Structures are given as structure tokens and as C-alpha cells.
């Protein structure tokens, strides 16, 4: 798929705001937004992989982002 499931936008920060600004907001879009009708011959996971991923089709797989604070300081996902 050519579309990214993670989108972002820059938040307006007022010069008169008393709080430090949050510069960017992130959100996730579901992959079925970009699929439309299911094309014939769509690749499939094996039954074991499908149970692990929660879907039969790799095109519809959307992992959850890691929880904040899940990694130790200096470690990345």
C-alpha cells in the first residue's frame, strides 16, 4: 500500500498562550480507508500468522503503536 497509516499536523501555538505549546499532533487511520472493494487474489497470512495479527489479509493489518513509557530512556522502538 502506498498510503501511510500515521498522519500528523502542526498545531497553531498562540504567542499569548500561558502553557508550553504542543507542536505536532499524531493520529492513525485504519488501512481499510484505502482499500475500497476487496480485489481478487489479495495475499493472505497463514492461519497461524492470521491469528497473531488479527486479520487474514496483510493489507488490513494495522499494529498498535507502542505505549508511551514502554521503553527505557535512550531506547527506541
Protein backbone atom coordinates (compact mmCIF):
# COMPACT_ATOMS: atom_id res chain seq x y z
CA UNK A 1 0.00 0.00 0.00
CA UNK A 2 1.28 3.42 -0.82
CA UNK A 3 -0.53 5.32 1.95
CA UNK A 4 0.90 5.83 5.41
CA UNK A 5 -1.43 4.86 8.26
CA UNK A 6 0.08 7.51 10.55
CA UNK A 7 -0.82 11.14 9.87
CA UNK A 8 0.33 14.32 11.60
CA UNK A 9 -0.36 18.03 11.57
CA UNK A 10 1.24 21.11 13.08
CA UNK A 11 -0.78 22.74 15.85
CA UNK A 12 -1.20 26.51 15.99
CA UNK A 13 0.59 27.96 19.01
CA UNK A 14 -0.65 31.32 20.18
CA UNK A 15 2.04 33.75 21.30
CA UNK A 16 -0.20 34.59 24.29
CA UNK A 17 -0.71 31.01 25.49
CA UNK A 18 0.47 30.52 29.09
CA UNK A 19 1.34 26.85 28.51
CA UNK A 20 4.23 25.43 26.50
CA UNK A 21 2.95 24.58 23.01
CA UNK A 22 2.38 21.09 21.67
CA UNK A 23 3.95 21.42 18.24
CA UNK A 24 2.61 18.34 16.45
CA UNK A 25 -0.38 16.01 16.81
CA UNK A 26 -0.28 12.43 15.51
CA UNK A 27 -3.17 10.09 14.69
CA UNK A 28 -3.63 6.75 12.98
CA UNK A 29 -6.04 5.93 10.15
CA UNK A 30 -7.37 2.40 9.56
CA UNK A 31 -6.00 0.66 6.45
CA UNK A 32 -9.49 -0.19 5.14
CA UNK A 33 -9.92 3.51 4.22
CA UNK A 34 -7.52 3.00 1.31
CA UNK A 35 -8.68 -0.42 0.12
CA UNK A 36 -12.23 0.11 -1.18
CA UNK A 37 -13.52 -3.18 -2.56
CA UNK A 38 -11.50 -6.29 -1.87
CA UNK A 39 -9.56 -7.12 -5.02
CA UNK A 40 -9.41 -10.76 -6.11
CA UNK A 41 -6.20 -12.62 -5.28
CA UNK A 42 -5.34 -10.45 -2.28
CA UNK A 43 -2.36 -12.05 -0.41
CA UNK A 44 -3.23 -13.86 2.82
CA UNK A 45 -1.41 -14.70 6.03
CA UNK A 46 -1.04 -18.34 7.04
CA UNK A 47 -3.67 -19.39 9.62
CA UNK A 48 -1.13 -19.11 12.47
CA UNK A 49 0.04 -15.65 11.33
CA UNK A 50 -3.58 -14.52 10.82
CA UNK A 51 -4.39 -15.38 14.45
CA UNK A 52 -1.31 -13.47 15.64
CA UNK A 53 -2.08 -10.39 13.51
CA UNK A 54 -5.86 -10.39 13.98
CA UNK A 55 -6.62 -10.37 10.25
CA UNK A 56 -6.29 -12.74 7.32
CA UNK A 57 -5.02 -10.08 4.91
CA UNK A 58 -1.69 -8.25 5.33
CA UNK A 59 -3.19 -5.18 3.59
CA UNK A 60 -5.62 -4.79 6.52
CA UNK A 61 -3.04 -5.23 9.29
CA UNK A 62 -2.53 -2.17 11.45
CA UNK A 63 -0.37 -2.64 14.56
CA UNK A 64 -0.98 -0.61 17.69
CA UNK A 65 1.68 2.00 18.45
CA UNK A 66 3.87 1.23 21.47
CA UNK A 67 2.63 2.69 24.74
CA UNK A 68 4.37 5.80 26.00
CA UNK A 69 6.96 4.91 28.61
CA UNK A 70 7.13 1.32 27.40
CA UNK A 71 10.82 1.64 26.58
CA UNK A 72 13.62 2.71 28.87
CA UNK A 73 15.28 6.06 28.39
CA UNK A 74 17.57 6.09 25.35
CA UNK A 75 15.86 3.03 23.82
CA UNK A 76 13.73 3.28 20.69
CA UNK A 77 11.02 1.08 19.19
